[in-house]
Amino acid sequence: MTHAGFAAACEFSVRTLQEWERGAKRPGGPAGTLLRAIKGDPEGLRRALAAG
C-alpha cells in the first residue's frame, strides 16, 4: 500500500504520516490505537476496508 493509499484508508493526511515516520511527531489517542491494531493485524485492516 502506498503512503497516499494508507493515509486515505485511515483518514490521516500524508503529511501527518510522514511526520510520524521521521519521528517529528508521535501518534496519540485514536490514531495511536488504530496504528497499534494495524501493526498487530495488518490483514485485518485490509479485510475491514474491503467489507466497508
N, C-alpha and C. Protein backbone atom coordinates (compact mmCIF):
# COMPACT_ATOMS: atom_id res chain seq x y z
N MET A 1 0.84 -1.16 0.00
CA MET A 1 0.00 0.00 0.00
C MET A 1 0.90 1.24 0.00
N THR A 2 0.55 2.21 -0.78
CA THR A 2 1.32 3.45 -0.84
C THR A 2 1.04 4.31 0.38
N HIS A 3 1.89 5.31 0.59
CA HIS A 3 1.64 6.26 1.68
C HIS A 3 0.28 6.92 1.49
N ALA A 4 0.02 7.35 0.28
CA ALA A 4 -1.24 8.04 0.00
C ALA A 4 -2.43 7.12 0.22
N GLY A 5 -2.31 5.87 -0.21
CA GLY A 5 -3.39 4.92 -0.03
C GLY A 5 -3.64 4.60 1.44
N PHE A 6 -2.57 4.40 2.19
CA PHE A 6 -2.69 4.11 3.62
C PHE A 6 -3.29 5.31 4.35
N ALA A 7 -2.78 6.50 4.05
CA ALA A 7 -3.29 7.71 4.70
C ALA A 7 -4.77 7.90 4.39
N ALA A 8 -5.16 7.70 3.16
CA ALA A 8 -6.57 7.86 2.79
C ALA A 8 -7.44 6.81 3.47
N ALA A 9 -6.98 5.57 3.51
CA ALA A 9 -7.77 4.49 4.12
C ALA A 9 -7.99 4.74 5.61
N CYS A 10 -7.00 5.33 6.26
CA CYS A 10 -7.07 5.56 7.72
C CYS A 10 -7.50 6.98 8.07
N GLU A 11 -7.75 7.78 7.05
CA GLU A 11 -8.17 9.18 7.21
C GLU A 11 -7.13 10.02 7.94
N PHE A 12 -5.84 9.78 7.60
CA PHE A 12 -4.74 10.63 8.04
C PHE A 12 -4.29 11.42 6.84
N SER A 13 -3.64 12.54 7.07
CA SER A 13 -3.02 13.23 5.94
C SER A 13 -1.67 12.56 5.67
N VAL A 14 -1.22 12.64 4.43
CA VAL A 14 0.08 12.09 4.07
C VAL A 14 1.16 12.81 4.87
N ARG A 15 1.02 14.08 5.06
CA ARG A 15 2.00 14.87 5.83
C ARG A 15 2.10 14.35 7.26
N THR A 16 0.98 14.07 7.89
CA THR A 16 0.99 13.54 9.25
C THR A 16 1.70 12.20 9.28
N LEU A 17 1.40 11.34 8.35
CA LEU A 17 2.06 10.04 8.27
C LEU A 17 3.57 10.20 8.12
N GLN A 18 3.99 11.11 7.28
CA GLN A 18 5.42 11.35 7.09
C GLN A 18 6.07 11.87 8.37
N GLU A 19 5.38 12.73 9.10
CA GLU A 19 5.92 13.25 10.35
C GLU A 19 6.08 12.13 11.39
N TRP A 20 5.14 11.21 11.43
CA TRP A 20 5.25 10.07 12.34
C TRP A 20 6.44 9.21 11.96
N GLU A 21 6.59 8.95 10.67
CA GLU A 21 7.68 8.08 10.22
C GLU A 21 9.06 8.65 10.53
N ARG A 22 9.21 9.94 10.40
CA ARG A 22 10.53 10.51 10.65
C ARG A 22 10.74 10.89 12.11
N GLY A 23 9.72 10.68 12.95
CA GLY A 23 9.85 10.91 14.38
C GLY A 23 9.61 12.33 14.82
N ALA A 24 9.12 13.18 13.93
CA ALA A 24 8.85 14.56 14.28
C ALA A 24 7.64 14.68 15.21
N LYS A 25 6.71 13.74 15.07
CA LYS A 25 5.51 13.68 15.91
C LYS A 25 5.23 12.22 16.23
N ARG A 26 4.47 12.01 17.29
CA ARG A 26 4.05 10.65 17.66
C ARG A 26 2.53 10.58 17.61
N PRO A 27 1.99 9.52 17.04
CA PRO A 27 0.53 9.39 17.02
C PRO A 27 0.02 9.12 18.43
N GLY A 28 -1.07 9.73 18.76
CA GLY A 28 -1.67 9.51 20.07
C GLY A 28 -3.17 9.34 19.94
N GLY A 29 -3.82 9.09 21.04
CA GLY A 29 -5.27 8.96 21.05
C GLY A 29 -5.75 7.89 20.09
N PRO A 30 -6.85 8.15 19.39
CA PRO A 30 -7.41 7.16 18.48
C PRO A 30 -6.45 6.75 17.36
N ALA A 31 -5.64 7.68 16.88
CA ALA A 31 -4.68 7.34 15.82
C ALA A 31 -3.67 6.32 16.31
N GLY A 32 -3.17 6.53 17.52
CA GLY A 32 -2.20 5.59 18.09
C GLY A 32 -2.82 4.21 18.30
N THR A 33 -4.05 4.19 18.77
CA THR A 33 -4.75 2.92 18.97
C THR A 33 -4.95 2.20 17.64
N LEU A 34 -5.38 2.93 16.62
CA LEU A 34 -5.57 2.34 15.30
C LEU A 34 -4.27 1.78 14.75
N LEU A 35 -3.19 2.52 14.89
CA LEU A 35 -1.90 2.05 14.36
C LEU A 35 -1.41 0.81 15.10
N ARG A 36 -1.63 0.72 16.41
CA ARG A 36 -1.26 -0.49 17.14
C ARG A 36 -2.08 -1.68 16.66
N ALA A 37 -3.37 -1.46 16.41
CA ALA A 37 -4.23 -2.53 15.91
C ALA A 37 -3.78 -2.99 14.53
N ILE A 38 -3.43 -2.05 13.68
CA ILE A 38 -2.95 -2.39 12.33
C ILE A 38 -1.65 -3.17 12.42
N LYS A 39 -0.75 -2.74 13.30
CA LYS A 39 0.52 -3.44 13.46
C LYS A 39 0.29 -4.88 13.91
N GLY A 40 -0.68 -5.09 14.77
CA GLY A 40 -0.99 -6.42 15.26
C GLY A 40 -1.66 -7.31 14.23
N ASP A 41 -2.43 -6.71 13.32
CA ASP A 41 -3.17 -7.50 12.33
C ASP A 41 -3.37 -6.69 11.04
N PRO A 42 -2.31 -6.51 10.25
CA PRO A 42 -2.45 -5.70 9.04
C PRO A 42 -3.46 -6.27 8.04
N GLU A 43 -3.57 -7.57 7.98
CA GLU A 43 -4.56 -8.16 7.06
C GLU A 43 -5.98 -7.88 7.54
N GLY A 44 -6.15 -7.72 8.85
CA GLY A 44 -7.46 -7.37 9.39
C GLY A 44 -7.92 -6.02 8.86
N LEU A 45 -6.99 -5.08 8.72
CA LEU A 45 -7.33 -3.77 8.15
C LEU A 45 -7.81 -3.94 6.72
N ARG A 46 -7.08 -4.72 5.95
CA ARG A 46 -7.48 -4.93 4.55
C ARG A 46 -8.87 -5.56 4.45
N ARG A 47 -9.14 -6.54 5.31
CA ARG A 47 -10.46 -7.18 5.29
C ARG A 47 -11.55 -6.19 5.69
N ALA A 48 -11.28 -5.41 6.72
CA ALA A 48 -12.27 -4.44 7.19
C ALA A 48 -12.56 -3.39 6.11
N LEU A 49 -11.53 -2.92 5.43
CA LEU A 49 -11.73 -1.93 4.38
C LEU A 49 -12.47 -2.52 3.19
N ALA A 50 -12.19 -3.76 2.87
CA ALA A 50 -12.87 -4.40 1.75
C ALA A 50 -14.34 -4.63 2.06
N ALA A 51 -14.65 -4.89 3.31
CA ALA A 51 -16.05 -5.14 3.71
C ALA A 51 -16.85 -3.85 3.84
N GLY A 52 -16.12 -2.72 4.04
CA GLY A 52 -16.72 -1.43 4.34
C GLY A 52 -17.66 -0.94 3.35
